[in-house]
Protein backbone atom coordinates (compact mmCIF):
# COMPACT_ATOMS: atom_id res chain seq x y z
CA MET A 1 0.00 0.00 0.00
CA THR A 2 1.38 3.42 -0.90
CA SER A 3 1.18 6.30 1.54
CA THR A 4 -1.71 7.85 -0.42
CA GLN A 5 -3.73 4.63 -0.55
CA GLN A 6 -6.54 4.21 1.99
CA PRO A 7 -6.54 1.08 4.15
CA ASP A 8 -9.12 -1.53 3.10
CA TYR A 9 -11.55 -0.99 5.94
CA GLN A 10 -14.06 -3.50 4.56
CA ALA A 11 -11.42 -6.26 4.59
CA MET A 12 -10.47 -5.29 8.13
CA LEU A 13 -14.13 -5.39 9.18
CA ARG A 14 -14.43 -8.94 7.81
CA VAL A 15 -11.80 -10.04 10.36
CA ALA A 16 -13.79 -8.44 13.21
CA LEU A 17 -17.04 -9.90 11.88
CA ALA A 18 -15.53 -13.40 11.85
CA GLU A 19 -14.60 -12.87 15.50
CA ALA A 20 -18.16 -11.75 16.30
CA ARG A 21 -19.56 -14.88 14.69
CA GLN A 22 -17.11 -17.01 16.67
CA GLY A 23 -18.29 -15.35 19.88
CA LEU A 24 -21.91 -16.08 19.00
CA ALA A 25 -21.06 -19.72 18.23
CA GLU A 26 -19.47 -19.95 21.71
CA GLY A 27 -22.68 -18.65 23.31
CA GLY A 28 -21.48 -15.09 23.82
CA VAL A 29 -22.36 -11.60 22.66
CA PRO A 30 -21.54 -11.29 18.93
CA ILE A 31 -19.11 -8.39 18.92
CA GLY A 32 -15.68 -8.70 17.33
CA ALA A 33 -12.66 -6.44 17.00
CA ALA A 34 -9.19 -6.37 15.49
CA ILE A 35 -6.16 -4.08 15.54
CA PHE A 36 -4.19 -3.36 12.39
CA THR A 37 -1.21 -1.33 11.29
CA ARG A 38 -1.85 1.44 8.74
CA ASP A 39 -0.60 -0.84 5.98
CA GLY A 40 -3.21 -3.46 6.87
CA ARG A 41 -1.15 -5.95 8.87
CA LEU A 42 -3.22 -7.69 11.52
CA LEU A 43 -1.74 -7.35 15.01
CA GLY A 44 -4.51 -9.00 17.01
CA ALA A 45 -8.17 -10.00 16.85
CA GLY A 46 -10.67 -10.92 19.52
CA HIS A 47 -14.29 -11.06 20.52
CA ASN A 48 -16.52 -10.37 23.46
CA ARG A 49 -16.01 -13.27 25.87
CA ARG A 50 -17.75 -11.90 28.95
CA VAL A 51 -20.27 -14.75 29.04
CA GLN A 52 -17.83 -17.51 28.11
CA GLU A 53 -15.22 -16.53 30.71
CA GLY A 54 -17.45 -14.93 33.33
CA ASP A 55 -15.17 -11.89 33.10
CA PRO A 56 -16.85 -8.51 32.64
CA SER A 57 -13.66 -6.94 31.28
CA VAL A 58 -13.31 -9.14 28.19
CA HIS A 59 -14.96 -6.91 25.61
CA ALA A 60 -14.05 -7.46 21.96
CA GLU A 61 -11.81 -4.40 21.86
CA THR A 62 -9.91 -5.34 25.02
CA ASP A 63 -9.50 -8.91 23.77
CA ALA A 64 -8.05 -7.69 20.46
CA PHE A 65 -5.86 -5.18 22.28
CA ARG A 66 -4.39 -7.86 24.54
CA LYS A 67 -3.80 -10.21 21.62
CA ALA A 68 -2.05 -7.46 19.65
CA GLY A 69 0.65 -7.44 22.30
CA ARG A 70 2.80 -4.58 23.43
CA GLN A 71 3.36 -1.86 20.82
CA ARG A 72 5.76 1.06 21.10
CA SER A 73 2.98 3.37 19.96
CA TYR A 74 -0.69 3.05 19.05
CA ARG A 75 -1.15 6.43 17.36
CA ASP A 76 -0.79 4.89 13.91
CA LYS A 77 -2.90 1.81 14.67
CA ILE A 78 -6.43 1.09 13.52
CA MET A 79 -8.97 -0.48 15.88
CA VAL A 80 -11.80 -2.12 13.94
CA THR A 81 -14.89 -3.19 15.83
CA THR A 82 -18.26 -4.52 14.70
CA LEU A 83 -20.09 -2.15 17.07
CA ALA A 84 -19.48 1.38 18.31
CA PRO A 85 -17.28 1.02 21.40
CA CYS A 86 -18.75 1.46 24.86
CA TRP A 87 -17.31 3.96 27.33
CA TYR A 88 -14.98 1.33 28.79
CA CYS A 89 -13.48 0.58 25.38
CA CYS A 90 -13.42 4.26 24.42
CA GLY A 91 -11.26 4.78 27.50
CA LEU A 92 -8.83 2.18 26.19
CA VAL A 93 -8.69 3.95 22.81
CA ARG A 94 -7.97 7.31 24.49
CA GLN A 95 -5.54 5.92 27.09
CA PHE A 96 -3.31 4.42 24.42
CA ARG A 97 -4.04 7.10 21.81
CA ILE A 98 -5.21 4.71 19.10
CA GLY A 99 -5.47 7.00 16.09
CA THR A 100 -8.35 5.49 14.12
CA VAL A 101 -11.42 3.51 15.08
CA VAL A 102 -13.45 1.83 12.35
CA VAL A 103 -16.98 0.98 13.50
CA GLY A 104 -19.04 -1.69 11.78
CA GLU A 105 -22.27 -0.11 12.99
CA SER A 106 -23.69 2.29 15.54
CA ARG A 107 -27.42 1.68 15.02
CA ASN A 108 -27.86 -0.75 17.91
CA PHE A 109 -25.56 1.16 20.23
CA SER A 110 -23.80 4.48 19.63
CA GLY A 111 -21.34 4.15 22.49
CA GLY A 112 -18.85 6.98 22.88
CA VAL A 113 -18.06 7.71 19.23
CA ASP A 114 -18.96 11.41 19.51
CA TRP A 115 -16.65 11.73 22.51
CA LEU A 116 -13.83 9.99 20.63
CA ARG A 117 -14.27 12.35 17.68
CA ALA A 118 -14.33 15.37 20.01
CA ASN A 119 -11.00 14.16 21.41
CA GLY A 120 -9.25 13.88 18.07
CA VAL A 121 -9.78 10.21 17.23
CA GLU A 122 -10.67 9.53 13.61
CA VAL A 123 -13.88 7.47 13.72
CA ILE A 124 -15.15 5.86 10.53
CA ASP A 125 -18.63 4.32 10.72
CA LEU A 126 -19.13 1.80 7.91
CA ASP A 127 -22.83 1.35 8.79
CA SER A 128 -22.69 -2.35 7.91
CA PRO A 129 -26.15 -3.93 7.57
CA GLU A 130 -24.56 -7.32 8.33
CA CYS A 131 -23.08 -6.11 11.63
CA ALA A 132 -26.33 -4.37 12.58
CA GLN A 133 -28.46 -7.44 11.86
CA LEU A 134 -26.15 -9.82 13.74
CA LEU A 135 -26.37 -7.79 16.93
CA ALA A 136 -30.06 -6.85 16.56
CA ASP A 137 -30.94 -10.54 16.34
CA TYR A 138 -28.90 -11.22 19.48
CA ILE A 139 -30.47 -8.33 21.40
CA ARG A 140 -33.95 -9.63 20.55
CA ALA A 141 -33.02 -13.16 21.68
CA GLN A 142 -30.95 -12.23 24.78
CA PRO A 143 -32.04 -8.77 26.03
CA GLU A 144 -30.97 -9.42 29.62
CA VAL A 145 -27.44 -10.44 28.63
CA TRP A 146 -27.19 -7.45 26.28
CA ASN A 147 -28.30 -5.03 29.02
CA GLU A 148 -25.73 -6.52 31.36
CA ASP A 149 -23.07 -6.11 28.65
CA ILE A 150 -23.73 -2.37 28.29
CA GLY A 151 -24.01 -1.80 32.03
CA GLU A 152 -27.78 -1.51 32.23
CA GLY A 153 -28.46 -4.92 33.76
C-alpha cells in the first residue's frame, strides 16, 4: 500500500465480523474487534467473551488489544470493531491514543463515538447492515445479557 492509498476498511471489518460470529457460536455476545497497522497488517483480533469466561472486562476491543501485544505506539494503529465502542473501550482507545477507530455499525448502540471524535480520534462508521443485523438478532433473543453487557443490567 502506498502512503496515499486508503486502508481496506471492509477487509479489516471482515476479520472483526468473523470474530463476532465465533463469539456467538461460543454462546457469547456477537461483537468482534481487530487491531491493524496502517498498511493493513493484523496485530490481534478478539471477541466479546464476557459470558464464556465470566469476566466482565473481556470486551471485543480489550480482547483484540491484549492479543495485539505490546506496541511502542498506538497512534498509527487502527482499531476495527463490529459495534461502536462502549465507554470502557473508548477509554482504552484514548488511554493508548489509538489513532483510528473503524466501526461496523452504531445503530444498535452508539457508544462513545462522539466523545472519541471530540477528542481527536478519527472514527469511521461503515454502517454495515450485516453487523447491525447480527447484533439486533442477538439483542432480541438475549435482552438481559445485552443489558448486562452495556451496564444496564
